Amino acid sequence: MNWPRSLFAAISMCGFTLLAPASEFESIFDGRSLAGWETPDLSYWSIEDGAITLVFGNNASKVLHGKKVTLRPAVVPDQLIVPIAWLGHAINVPKGMEVRGRDRTSLSPDTLPVEYRKG
């Protein structure tokens, strides 16, 4: 598996608001832990104030090794389940939403997808 490509493919889907009827909602992330996640090594992942951060490890290219990328949840106040948007680096918070967590992304702009570069 090509981690950077797979991660950026996942991140490229972020920044979109996900809407689902409450009856169809299935929680896959509790905002506090990685409970239920399956990954070869959970030590590269961390959760802080609802934000998910990945630290690239030994299998990443040298330019990415040790760098971080963060996805932060944006929620509508008082409706913390739905709708939600996951924001990558430099994505503006959608109107009427609040972002949670801190962006700890440390990748240089040229390694990020164009949509996540501060311009």
C-alpha atoms as a PDB file:
ATOM      1  CA  MET A   1       0.000   0.000   0.000  1.00  0.00           C
ATOM      2  CA  ASN A   2       1.288   3.446  -0.884  1.00  0.00           C
ATOM      3  CA  TRP A   3       0.555   5.306   2.368  1.00  0.00           C
ATOM      4  CA  PRO A   4       0.947   8.886   1.096  1.00  0.00           C
ATOM      5  CA  ARG A   5      -1.214   8.244  -1.965  1.00  0.00           C
ATOM      6  CA  SER A   6      -3.842   6.367   0.071  1.00  0.00           C
ATOM      7  CA  LEU A   7      -3.860   8.997   2.794  1.00  0.00           C
ATOM      8  CA  PHE A   8      -4.177  11.867   0.357  1.00  0.00           C
ATOM      9  CA  ALA A   9      -6.929  10.010  -1.473  1.00  0.00           C
ATOM     10  CA  ALA A  10      -8.781   9.832   1.833  1.00  0.00           C
ATOM     11  CA  ILE A  11      -7.976  13.438   2.671  1.00  0.00           C
ATOM     12  CA  SER A  12      -9.070  14.625  -0.750  1.00  0.00           C
ATOM     13  CA  MET A  13     -12.575  13.496   0.163  1.00  0.00           C
ATOM     14  CA  CYS A  14     -12.440  15.701   3.249  1.00  0.00           C
ATOM     15  CA  GLY A  15     -13.682  19.222   3.322  1.00  0.00           C
ATOM     16  CA  PHE A  16     -17.078  18.048   2.133  1.00  0.00           C
ATOM     17  CA  THR A  17     -20.059  18.081   4.437  1.00  0.00           C
ATOM     18  CA  LEU A  18     -21.514  14.666   5.057  1.00  0.00           C
ATOM     19  CA  LEU A  19     -25.255  14.635   5.568  1.00  0.00           C
ATOM     20  CA  ALA A  20     -27.215  11.601   6.640  1.00  0.00           C
ATOM     21  CA  PRO A  21     -30.514  11.077   8.381  1.00  0.00           C
ATOM     22  CA  ALA A  22     -29.946  10.351  12.080  1.00  0.00           C
ATOM     23  CA  SER A  23     -31.594   6.951  11.592  1.00  0.00           C
ATOM     24  CA  GLU A  24     -28.851   5.995   9.095  1.00  0.00           C
ATOM     25  CA  PHE A  25     -25.950   7.326  11.166  1.00  0.00           C
ATOM     26  CA  GLU A  26     -23.333   4.769  12.189  1.00  0.00           C
ATOM     27  CA  SER A  27     -20.591   6.017  14.481  1.00  0.00           C
ATOM     28  CA  ILE A  28     -17.109   5.034  13.315  1.00  0.00           C
ATOM     29  CA  PHE A  29     -15.222   7.538  15.470  1.00  0.00           C
ATOM     30  CA  ASP A  30     -15.991   8.656  19.015  1.00  0.00           C
ATOM     31  CA  GLY A  31     -13.807  11.797  18.863  1.00  0.00           C
ATOM     32  CA  ARG A  32     -11.650  10.618  21.768  1.00  0.00           C
ATOM     33  CA  SER A  33      -9.989   7.337  20.837  1.00  0.00           C
ATOM     34  CA  LEU A  34      -9.121   4.949  18.045  1.00  0.00           C
ATOM     35  CA  ALA A  35     -11.425   2.257  19.447  1.00  0.00           C
ATOM     36  CA  GLY A  36     -12.460  -0.151  16.715  1.00  0.00           C
ATOM     37  CA  TRP A  37      -9.864   1.077  14.212  1.00  0.00           C
ATOM     38  CA  GLU A  38      -7.771  -1.455  12.340  1.00  0.00           C
ATOM     39  CA  THR A  39      -4.297  -0.396  11.268  1.00  0.00           C
ATOM     40  CA  PRO A  40      -0.908  -2.142  11.361  1.00  0.00           C
ATOM     41  CA  ASP A  41       0.421   0.312  13.968  1.00  0.00           C
ATOM     42  CA  LEU A  42      -1.802   2.662  15.997  1.00  0.00           C
ATOM     43  CA  SER A  43       1.245   4.477  17.402  1.00  0.00           C
ATOM     44  CA  TYR A  44       1.366   6.722  14.302  1.00  0.00           C
ATOM     45  CA  TRP A  45      -2.138   8.045  14.993  1.00  0.00           C
ATOM     46  CA  SER A  46      -3.348  10.405  17.716  1.00  0.00           C
ATOM     47  CA  ILE A  47      -6.576  12.131  18.708  1.00  0.00           C
ATOM     48  CA  GLU A  48      -6.633  15.605  20.251  1.00  0.00           C
ATOM     49  CA  ASP A  49      -9.863  17.563  20.775  1.00  0.00           C
ATOM     50  CA  GLY A  50     -11.576  15.429  18.125  1.00  0.00           C
ATOM     51  CA  ALA A  51      -8.879  16.004  15.475  1.00  0.00           C
ATOM     52  CA  ILE A  52      -7.106  12.992  13.962  1.00  0.00           C
ATOM     53  CA  THR A  53      -3.362  13.332  13.333  1.00  0.00           C
ATOM     54  CA  LEU A  54      -1.123  10.886  11.486  1.00  0.00           C
ATOM     55  CA  VAL A  55       2.662  10.971  11.852  1.00  0.00           C
ATOM     56  CA  PHE A  56       4.356   9.429   8.817  1.00  0.00           C
ATOM     57  CA  GLY A  57       6.688   6.623   9.856  1.00  0.00           C
ATOM     58  CA  ASN A  58       9.505   4.523   8.451  1.00  0.00           C
ATOM     59  CA  ASN A  59       7.480   3.275   5.466  1.00  0.00           C
ATOM     60  CA  ALA A  60       6.928   6.813   4.174  1.00  0.00           C
ATOM     61  CA  SER A  61       9.340   8.517   1.809  1.00  0.00           C
ATOM     62  CA  LYS A  62      12.164  10.487   3.429  1.00  0.00           C
ATOM     63  CA  VAL A  63      10.484  13.809   2.657  1.00  0.00           C
ATOM     64  CA  LEU A  64       7.399  12.707   4.639  1.00  0.00           C
ATOM     65  CA  HIS A  65       9.075  10.747   7.458  1.00  0.00           C
ATOM     66  CA  GLY A  66       8.200  12.281  10.838  1.00  0.00           C
ATOM     67  CA  LYS A  67       5.823  14.855   9.325  1.00  0.00           C
ATOM     68  CA  LYS A  68       2.212  15.192  10.456  1.00  0.00           C
ATOM     69  CA  VAL A  69      -1.120  15.610   8.720  1.00  0.00           C
ATOM     70  CA  THR A  70      -4.303  16.466  10.624  1.00  0.00           C
ATOM     71  CA  LEU A  71      -7.991  16.132   9.815  1.00  0.00           C
ATOM     72  CA  ARG A  72     -10.264  18.300  11.969  1.00  0.00           C
ATOM     73  CA  PRO A  73     -14.009  17.910  12.386  1.00  0.00           C
ATOM     74  CA  ALA A  74     -16.288  20.856  11.750  1.00  0.00           C
ATOM     75  CA  VAL A  75     -19.730  20.596  13.262  1.00  0.00           C
ATOM     76  CA  VAL A  76     -22.907  22.623  13.480  1.00  0.00           C
ATOM     77  CA  PRO A  77     -23.099  23.900  17.077  1.00  0.00           C
ATOM     78  CA  ASP A  78     -25.570  21.920  19.202  1.00  0.00           C
ATOM     79  CA  GLN A  79     -25.777  19.185  16.525  1.00  0.00           C
ATOM     80  CA  LEU A  80     -22.557  17.263  17.119  1.00  0.00           C
ATOM     81  CA  ILE A  81     -23.523  14.125  15.205  1.00  0.00           C
ATOM     82  CA  VAL A  82     -24.732  15.353  11.804  1.00  0.00           C
ATOM     83  CA  PRO A  83     -23.931  17.261   9.687  1.00  0.00           C
ATOM     84  CA  ILE A  84     -20.147  17.077   9.912  1.00  0.00           C
ATOM     85  CA  ALA A  85     -17.263  18.044   7.642  1.00  0.00           C
ATOM     86  CA  TRP A  86     -13.675  16.812   7.914  1.00  0.00           C
ATOM     87  CA  LEU A  87     -11.239  19.599   7.153  1.00  0.00           C
ATOM     88  CA  GLY A  88      -7.730  19.129   5.859  1.00  0.00           C
ATOM     89  CA  HIS A  89      -4.961  21.710   6.071  1.00  0.00           C
ATOM     90  CA  ALA A  90      -5.937  25.240   4.901  1.00  0.00           C
ATOM     91  CA  ILE A  91      -9.590  24.346   4.232  1.00  0.00           C
ATOM     92  CA  ASN A  92     -11.961  27.134   5.244  1.00  0.00           C
ATOM     93  CA  VAL A  93     -14.582  26.313   7.851  1.00  0.00           C
ATOM     94  CA  PRO A  94     -18.017  26.065   6.186  1.00  0.00           C
ATOM     95  CA  LYS A  95     -20.461  28.840   7.111  1.00  0.00           C
ATOM     96  CA  GLY A  96     -22.453  28.034  10.238  1.00  0.00           C
ATOM     97  CA  MET A  97     -19.982  25.401  11.437  1.00  0.00           C
ATOM     98  CA  GLU A  98     -17.304  25.319  14.130  1.00  0.00           C
ATOM     99  CA  VAL A  99     -13.982  23.520  13.763  1.00  0.00           C
ATOM    100  CA  ARG A 100     -12.697  21.273  16.537  1.00  0.00           C
ATOM    101  CA  GLY A 101      -9.078  20.493  17.332  1.00  0.00           C
ATOM    102  CA  ARG A 102      -5.830  22.065  16.223  1.00  0.00           C
ATOM    103  CA  ASP A 103      -4.216  21.685  12.807  1.00  0.00           C
ATOM    104  CA  ARG A 104      -0.863  20.035  13.533  1.00  0.00           C
ATOM    105  CA  THR A 105      -0.004  19.467   9.852  1.00  0.00           C
ATOM    106  CA  SER A 106       3.731  19.895   9.341  1.00  0.00           C
ATOM    107  CA  LEU A 107       4.047  18.813   5.715  1.00  0.00           C
ATOM    108  CA  SER A 108       5.533  21.361   3.358  1.00  0.00           C
ATOM    109  CA  PRO A 109       2.927  22.878   1.003  1.00  0.00           C
ATOM    110  CA  ASP A 110       4.417  21.179  -2.063  1.00  0.00           C
ATOM    111  CA  THR A 111       3.652  17.732  -0.587  1.00  0.00           C
ATOM    112  CA  LEU A 112      -0.019  18.560   0.039  1.00  0.00           C
ATOM    113  CA  PRO A 113      -2.805  18.263  -2.514  1.00  0.00           C
ATOM    114  CA  VAL A 114      -3.384  21.639  -4.236  1.00  0.00           C
ATOM    115  CA  GLU A 115      -6.718  22.082  -2.432  1.00  0.00           C
ATOM    116  CA  TYR A 116      -4.913  22.159   0.946  1.00  0.00           C
ATOM    117  CA  ARG A 117      -2.237  24.716   0.161  1.00  0.00           C
ATOM    118  CA  LYS A 118      -2.621  28.107   1.736  1.00  0.00           C
ATOM    119  CA  GLY A 119      -2.878  30.577  -1.061  1.00  0.00           C
END
